[in-house]
Amino acid sequence: MDKKLVMLGMIVGSYIGAYVPIWFGASSFSFASVVGTFVGGMCGILIVVRFYT
């Protein structure tokens, strides 16, 4: 598996995870956004790993 794809999944997942709390009225620097960044990044990595293995 290519490291670039894993990194891309992490970046896209982190971006989406950080942006979701903004849809519900939270600040982009809130704790929910930080947690969303972590969860989105992990989900992005898992999706790429599951898809390519």
Foldseek 3Di string as FASTA:
>chain_A
DDPVQLVVLLVVQLVVQLCVVVVVPDDSPDPSSVVRSVVRNVVSNVVSVVVPD
